[in-house]
Amino acid sequence: MSYQLYRNTTLGQSLQETLEELIQTQQIDPDLALIVLLQFDKTINSALANRLRTRMSFKGHLRTYRFCDSVWTLIVENAEFRETGSDTHSFKVDKLKVVACDGKTSGLECKEL
């Protein structure tokens, strides 16, 4: 199972734009572009799950939340992030949107709401 959330990142959007350009110039066919996107989904999910060692925590004011189809969406204001175990590495953001999917649900495709 892999989620498609990371297609909305700068890296994912750049990949999609590049694939679209390759399709338009007939350098690849749409089926190959879909295979590349599916591989991107699997690879980015695996890399984030297995290769990251730094942990962060955050706190802030929960403005709204929603739970639908096993997907939580949280809007947090004045969020402060801290690297776990460190008081020196922190930063603040005015507004944060968190989309969290149940990793144990089989066959679920999580998409940006």
N, C-alpha and C. Protein backbone atom coordinates (compact mmCIF):
# COMPACT_ATOMS: atom_id res chain seq x y z
N MET A 1 0.84 -1.17 0.00
CA MET A 1 0.00 0.00 0.00
C MET A 1 0.89 1.23 0.00
N SER A 2 0.56 2.17 -0.84
CA SER A 2 1.29 3.44 -0.82
C SER A 2 0.30 4.58 -1.04
N TYR A 3 0.54 5.66 -0.34
CA TYR A 3 -0.34 6.80 -0.43
C TYR A 3 0.15 7.75 -1.53
N GLN A 4 -0.76 8.51 -2.07
CA GLN A 4 -0.44 9.44 -3.14
C GLN A 4 -0.27 10.88 -2.64
N LEU A 5 -0.23 11.06 -1.34
CA LEU A 5 -0.11 12.41 -0.76
C LEU A 5 1.12 13.15 -1.23
N TYR A 6 2.21 12.45 -1.43
CA TYR A 6 3.48 13.10 -1.73
C TYR A 6 3.56 13.59 -3.17
N ARG A 7 2.55 13.30 -3.97
CA ARG A 7 2.49 13.87 -5.31
C ARG A 7 2.23 15.37 -5.24
N ASN A 8 1.72 15.86 -4.11
CA ASN A 8 1.45 17.29 -3.94
C ASN A 8 2.66 18.06 -3.42
N THR A 9 3.78 17.37 -3.18
CA THR A 9 5.00 18.06 -2.76
C THR A 9 5.65 18.70 -3.98
N THR A 10 6.64 19.54 -3.74
CA THR A 10 7.38 20.16 -4.85
C THR A 10 8.00 19.09 -5.74
N LEU A 11 8.58 18.08 -5.12
CA LEU A 11 9.20 16.99 -5.89
C LEU A 11 8.16 16.24 -6.72
N GLY A 12 7.02 15.90 -6.10
CA GLY A 12 5.97 15.18 -6.81
C GLY A 12 5.37 15.99 -7.94
N GLN A 13 5.15 17.28 -7.71
CA GLN A 13 4.59 18.13 -8.76
C GLN A 13 5.57 18.30 -9.92
N SER A 14 6.86 18.42 -9.60
CA SER A 14 7.87 18.54 -10.65
C SER A 14 7.91 17.27 -11.49
N LEU A 15 7.83 16.12 -10.84
CA LEU A 15 7.80 14.85 -11.56
C LEU A 15 6.59 14.77 -12.48
N GLN A 16 5.43 15.14 -11.97
CA GLN A 16 4.22 15.09 -12.79
C GLN A 16 4.28 16.04 -13.98
N GLU A 17 4.82 17.23 -13.77
CA GLU A 17 4.96 18.19 -14.87
C GLU A 17 5.93 17.67 -15.94
N THR A 18 7.01 17.07 -15.49
CA THR A 18 7.99 16.51 -16.42
C THR A 18 7.38 15.36 -17.22
N LEU A 19 6.66 14.48 -16.54
CA LEU A 19 6.02 13.36 -17.23
C LEU A 19 4.99 13.86 -18.24
N GLU A 20 4.23 14.89 -17.86
CA GLU A 20 3.24 15.45 -18.77
C GLU A 20 3.91 16.03 -20.02
N GLU A 21 5.03 16.70 -19.82
CA GLU A 21 5.76 17.26 -20.95
C GLU A 21 6.28 16.15 -21.87
N LEU A 22 6.78 15.06 -21.27
CA LEU A 22 7.26 13.93 -22.07
C LEU A 22 6.13 13.26 -22.84
N ILE A 23 4.96 13.22 -22.25
CA ILE A 23 3.79 12.65 -22.94
C ILE A 23 3.40 13.55 -24.11
N GLN A 24 3.36 14.86 -23.87
CA GLN A 24 2.96 15.80 -24.92
C GLN A 24 3.92 15.81 -26.11
N THR A 25 5.20 15.59 -25.83
CA THR A 25 6.18 15.54 -26.92
C THR A 25 6.34 14.12 -27.47
N GLN A 26 5.50 13.23 -27.01
CA GLN A 26 5.44 11.83 -27.46
C GLN A 26 6.75 11.08 -27.25
N GLN A 27 7.46 11.44 -26.18
CA GLN A 27 8.69 10.73 -25.83
C GLN A 27 8.39 9.50 -24.98
N ILE A 28 7.26 9.54 -24.24
CA ILE A 28 6.79 8.37 -23.50
C ILE A 28 5.28 8.30 -23.66
N ASP A 29 4.72 7.11 -23.40
CA ASP A 29 3.27 7.01 -23.47
C ASP A 29 2.68 7.15 -22.06
N PRO A 30 1.39 7.45 -21.95
CA PRO A 30 0.76 7.67 -20.65
C PRO A 30 0.85 6.47 -19.71
N ASP A 31 0.88 5.26 -20.26
CA ASP A 31 1.00 4.07 -19.40
C ASP A 31 2.32 4.05 -18.65
N LEU A 32 3.40 4.44 -19.34
CA LEU A 32 4.71 4.50 -18.68
C LEU A 32 4.72 5.58 -17.61
N ALA A 33 4.10 6.72 -17.89
CA ALA A 33 4.03 7.80 -16.90
C ALA A 33 3.30 7.33 -15.64
N LEU A 34 2.23 6.56 -15.81
CA LEU A 34 1.50 6.03 -14.65
C LEU A 34 2.37 5.07 -13.85
N ILE A 35 3.13 4.24 -14.53
CA ILE A 35 4.03 3.31 -13.85
C ILE A 35 5.07 4.08 -13.04
N VAL A 36 5.61 5.15 -13.62
CA VAL A 36 6.60 5.97 -12.93
C VAL A 36 5.98 6.61 -11.68
N LEU A 37 4.76 7.13 -11.79
CA LEU A 37 4.09 7.74 -10.63
C LEU A 37 3.81 6.72 -9.53
N LEU A 38 3.39 5.53 -9.91
CA LEU A 38 3.14 4.48 -8.91
C LEU A 38 4.44 4.08 -8.21
N GLN A 39 5.53 4.02 -8.97
CA GLN A 39 6.83 3.71 -8.35
C GLN A 39 7.27 4.84 -7.43
N PHE A 40 7.03 6.09 -7.83
CA PHE A 40 7.33 7.24 -6.97
C PHE A 40 6.57 7.12 -5.65
N ASP A 41 5.27 6.79 -5.72
CA ASP A 41 4.46 6.64 -4.51
C ASP A 41 5.08 5.61 -3.56
N LYS A 42 5.43 4.45 -4.09
CA LYS A 42 6.01 3.38 -3.27
C LYS A 42 7.35 3.78 -2.69
N THR A 43 8.19 4.39 -3.52
CA THR A 43 9.54 4.73 -3.09
C THR A 43 9.56 5.83 -2.04
N ILE A 44 8.78 6.88 -2.24
CA ILE A 44 8.78 7.99 -1.28
C ILE A 44 8.18 7.54 0.06
N ASN A 45 7.15 6.71 0.03
CA ASN A 45 6.58 6.19 1.27
C ASN A 45 7.58 5.31 2.00
N SER A 46 8.28 4.45 1.27
CA SER A 46 9.28 3.58 1.88
C SER A 46 10.44 4.38 2.45
N ALA A 47 10.93 5.36 1.71
CA ALA A 47 12.06 6.16 2.18
C ALA A 47 11.71 6.93 3.45
N LEU A 48 10.53 7.52 3.48
CA LEU A 48 10.13 8.27 4.68
C LEU A 48 9.91 7.36 5.87
N ALA A 49 9.44 6.16 5.63
CA ALA A 49 9.19 5.22 6.73
C ALA A 49 10.47 4.59 7.25
N ASN A 50 11.45 4.35 6.39
CA ASN A 50 12.60 3.54 6.78
C ASN A 50 13.92 4.29 6.90
N ARG A 51 14.08 5.43 6.25
CA ARG A 51 15.37 6.09 6.22
C ARG A 51 15.50 7.29 7.14
N LEU A 52 14.40 7.87 7.56
CA LEU A 52 14.47 9.05 8.42
C LEU A 52 14.73 8.64 9.86
N ARG A 53 15.63 9.34 10.51
CA ARG A 53 15.96 9.04 11.90
C ARG A 53 15.59 10.19 12.83
N THR A 54 15.50 11.39 12.31
CA THR A 54 15.17 12.54 13.13
C THR A 54 13.67 12.56 13.40
N ARG A 55 13.32 12.80 14.61
CA ARG A 55 11.91 12.89 15.00
C ARG A 55 11.60 14.32 15.43
N MET A 56 10.39 14.76 15.08
CA MET A 56 9.95 16.10 15.44
C MET A 56 8.64 15.98 16.22
N SER A 57 8.42 16.94 17.09
CA SER A 57 7.12 17.07 17.75
C SER A 57 6.63 18.48 17.48
N PHE A 58 5.32 18.67 17.59
CA PHE A 58 4.79 20.01 17.40
C PHE A 58 3.63 20.22 18.35
N LYS A 59 3.39 21.49 18.63
CA LYS A 59 2.23 21.86 19.44
C LYS A 59 1.69 23.16 18.88
N GLY A 60 0.42 23.40 19.12
CA GLY A 60 -0.23 24.60 18.63
C GLY A 60 -1.69 24.57 19.00
N HIS A 61 -2.45 25.48 18.43
CA HIS A 61 -3.88 25.59 18.70
C HIS A 61 -4.65 24.87 17.59
N LEU A 62 -5.37 23.80 17.97
CA LEU A 62 -6.16 23.05 17.01
C LEU A 62 -7.39 23.85 16.63
N ARG A 63 -7.44 24.32 15.38
CA ARG A 63 -8.56 25.14 14.92
C ARG A 63 -9.72 24.26 14.46
N THR A 64 -9.47 23.29 13.59
CA THR A 64 -10.52 22.38 13.12
C THR A 64 -9.94 20.99 12.91
N TYR A 65 -10.81 20.00 12.92
CA TYR A 65 -10.40 18.64 12.62
C TYR A 65 -11.55 17.92 11.94
N ARG A 66 -11.19 16.89 11.16
CA ARG A 66 -12.19 16.10 10.45
C ARG A 66 -11.66 14.68 10.32
N PHE A 67 -12.55 13.70 10.44
CA PHE A 67 -12.21 12.30 10.22
C PHE A 67 -13.21 11.72 9.23
N CYS A 68 -12.72 11.31 8.08
CA CYS A 68 -13.59 10.79 7.03
C CYS A 68 -12.84 9.71 6.26
N ASP A 69 -13.45 8.57 6.09
CA ASP A 69 -12.86 7.46 5.32
C ASP A 69 -11.46 7.10 5.82
N SER A 70 -11.29 7.00 7.12
CA SER A 70 -10.03 6.65 7.77
C SER A 70 -8.92 7.67 7.52
N VAL A 71 -9.28 8.91 7.24
CA VAL A 71 -8.31 9.98 7.03
C VAL A 71 -8.61 11.13 7.99
N TRP A 72 -7.62 11.49 8.80
CA TRP A 72 -7.73 12.64 9.69
C TRP A 72 -7.17 13.87 8.98
N THR A 73 -7.89 14.98 9.06
CA THR A 73 -7.39 16.27 8.58
C THR A 73 -7.46 17.24 9.75
N LEU A 74 -6.33 17.82 10.11
CA LEU A 74 -6.23 18.74 11.23
C LEU A 74 -5.70 20.09 10.73
N ILE A 75 -6.29 21.16 11.19
CA ILE A 75 -5.78 22.51 10.93
C ILE A 75 -5.31 23.07 12.27
N VAL A 76 -4.01 23.36 12.34
CA VAL A 76 -3.39 23.84 13.58
C VAL A 76 -2.84 25.24 13.33
N GLU A 77 -3.13 26.16 14.24
CA GLU A 77 -2.61 27.52 14.15
C GLU A 77 -1.48 27.71 15.14
N ASN A 78 -0.55 28.59 14.80
CA ASN A 78 0.59 28.92 15.66
C ASN A 78 1.33 27.66 16.11
N ALA A 79 1.66 26.81 15.16
CA ALA A 79 2.34 25.55 15.47
C ALA A 79 3.83 25.79 15.68
N GLU A 80 4.36 25.14 16.69
CA GLU A 80 5.80 25.20 16.97
C GLU A 80 6.36 23.79 16.87
N PHE A 81 7.37 23.62 16.02
CA PHE A 81 8.02 22.34 15.82
C PHE A 81 9.32 22.30 16.61
N ARG A 82 9.61 21.14 17.20
CA ARG A 82 10.87 20.94 17.91
C ARG A 82 11.44 19.58 17.53
N GLU A 83 12.74 19.57 17.35
CA GLU A 83 13.42 18.30 17.14
C GLU A 83 13.41 17.55 18.47
N THR A 84 13.01 16.29 18.46
CA THR A 84 12.91 15.51 19.69
C THR A 84 14.26 15.45 20.39
N GLY A 85 14.24 15.78 21.68
CA GLY A 85 15.47 15.74 22.48
C GLY A 85 16.33 16.98 22.34
N SER A 86 15.83 18.02 21.70
CA SER A 86 16.62 19.23 21.50
C SER A 86 15.75 20.45 21.75
N ASP A 87 16.27 21.39 22.53
CA ASP A 87 15.56 22.65 22.74
C ASP A 87 16.07 23.74 21.80
N THR A 88 17.14 23.44 21.09
CA THR A 88 17.75 24.47 20.25
C THR A 88 17.21 24.48 18.83
N HIS A 89 16.74 23.36 18.32
CA HIS A 89 16.24 23.29 16.96
C HIS A 89 14.72 23.34 16.96
N SER A 90 14.18 24.53 16.69
CA SER A 90 12.74 24.69 16.64
C SER A 90 12.38 25.79 15.64
N PHE A 91 11.15 25.75 15.17
CA PHE A 91 10.64 26.80 14.30
C PHE A 91 9.13 26.86 14.44
N LYS A 92 8.55 27.99 14.02
CA LYS A 92 7.11 28.21 14.15
C LYS A 92 6.50 28.50 12.79
N VAL A 93 5.24 28.11 12.64
CA VAL A 93 4.46 28.44 11.44
C VAL A 93 3.10 28.96 11.89
N ASP A 94 2.52 29.86 11.09
CA ASP A 94 1.22 30.44 11.44
C ASP A 94 0.09 29.42 11.30
N LYS A 95 0.13 28.63 10.23
CA LYS A 95 -0.94 27.67 9.98
C LYS A 95 -0.36 26.38 9.44
N LEU A 96 -0.89 25.25 9.91
CA LEU A 96 -0.40 23.94 9.53
C LEU A 96 -1.59 23.05 9.20
N LYS A 97 -1.49 22.33 8.08
CA LYS A 97 -2.51 21.35 7.73
C LYS A 97 -1.88 19.97 7.81
N VAL A 98 -2.47 19.09 8.61
CA VAL A 98 -1.97 17.73 8.77
C VAL A 98 -3.01 16.79 8.18
N VAL A 99 -2.57 15.92 7.26
CA VAL A 99 -3.43 14.88 6.72
C VAL A 99 -2.80 13.56 7.11
N ALA A 100 -3.51 12.78 7.91
CA ALA A 100 -2.97 11.52 8.42
C ALA A 100 -3.86 10.37 8.02
N CYS A 101 -3.24 9.33 7.46
CA CYS A 101 -3.96 8.16 6.98
C CYS A 101 -3.61 6.96 7.85
N ASP A 102 -4.54 6.06 8.02
CA ASP A 102 -4.33 4.85 8.78
C ASP A 102 -3.41 3.93 7.99
N GLY A 103 -2.19 3.74 8.46
CA GLY A 103 -1.21 2.91 7.77
C GLY A 103 -1.52 1.44 7.84
N LYS A 104 -2.44 1.01 8.69
CA LYS A 104 -2.75 -0.40 8.83
C LYS A 104 -3.93 -0.84 8.00
N THR A 105 -4.63 0.11 7.41
CA THR A 105 -5.80 -0.22 6.58
C THR A 105 -5.31 -0.69 5.22
N SER A 106 -5.62 -1.92 4.87
CA SER A 106 -5.14 -2.44 3.59
C SER A 106 -6.01 -1.94 2.44
N GLY A 107 -5.34 -1.61 1.34
CA GLY A 107 -6.05 -1.21 0.14
C GLY A 107 -6.54 0.22 0.14
N LEU A 108 -6.23 0.99 1.17
CA LEU A 108 -6.70 2.37 1.25
C LEU A 108 -5.78 3.26 0.43
N GLU A 109 -6.33 4.05 -0.43
CA GLU A 109 -5.57 5.07 -1.15
C GLU A 109 -5.90 6.40 -0.52
N CYS A 110 -4.92 7.03 0.06
CA CYS A 110 -5.11 8.31 0.73
C CYS A 110 -4.81 9.42 -0.25
N LYS A 111 -5.74 10.32 -0.43
CA LYS A 111 -5.56 11.42 -1.38
C LYS A 111 -5.83 12.73 -0.66
N GLU A 112 -5.19 13.77 -1.14
CA GLU A 112 -5.37 15.10 -0.57
C GLU A 112 -6.84 15.49 -0.67
N LEU A 113 -7.37 16.03 0.42
CA LEU A 113 -8.79 16.42 0.45
C LEU A 113 -8.98 17.80 -0.08
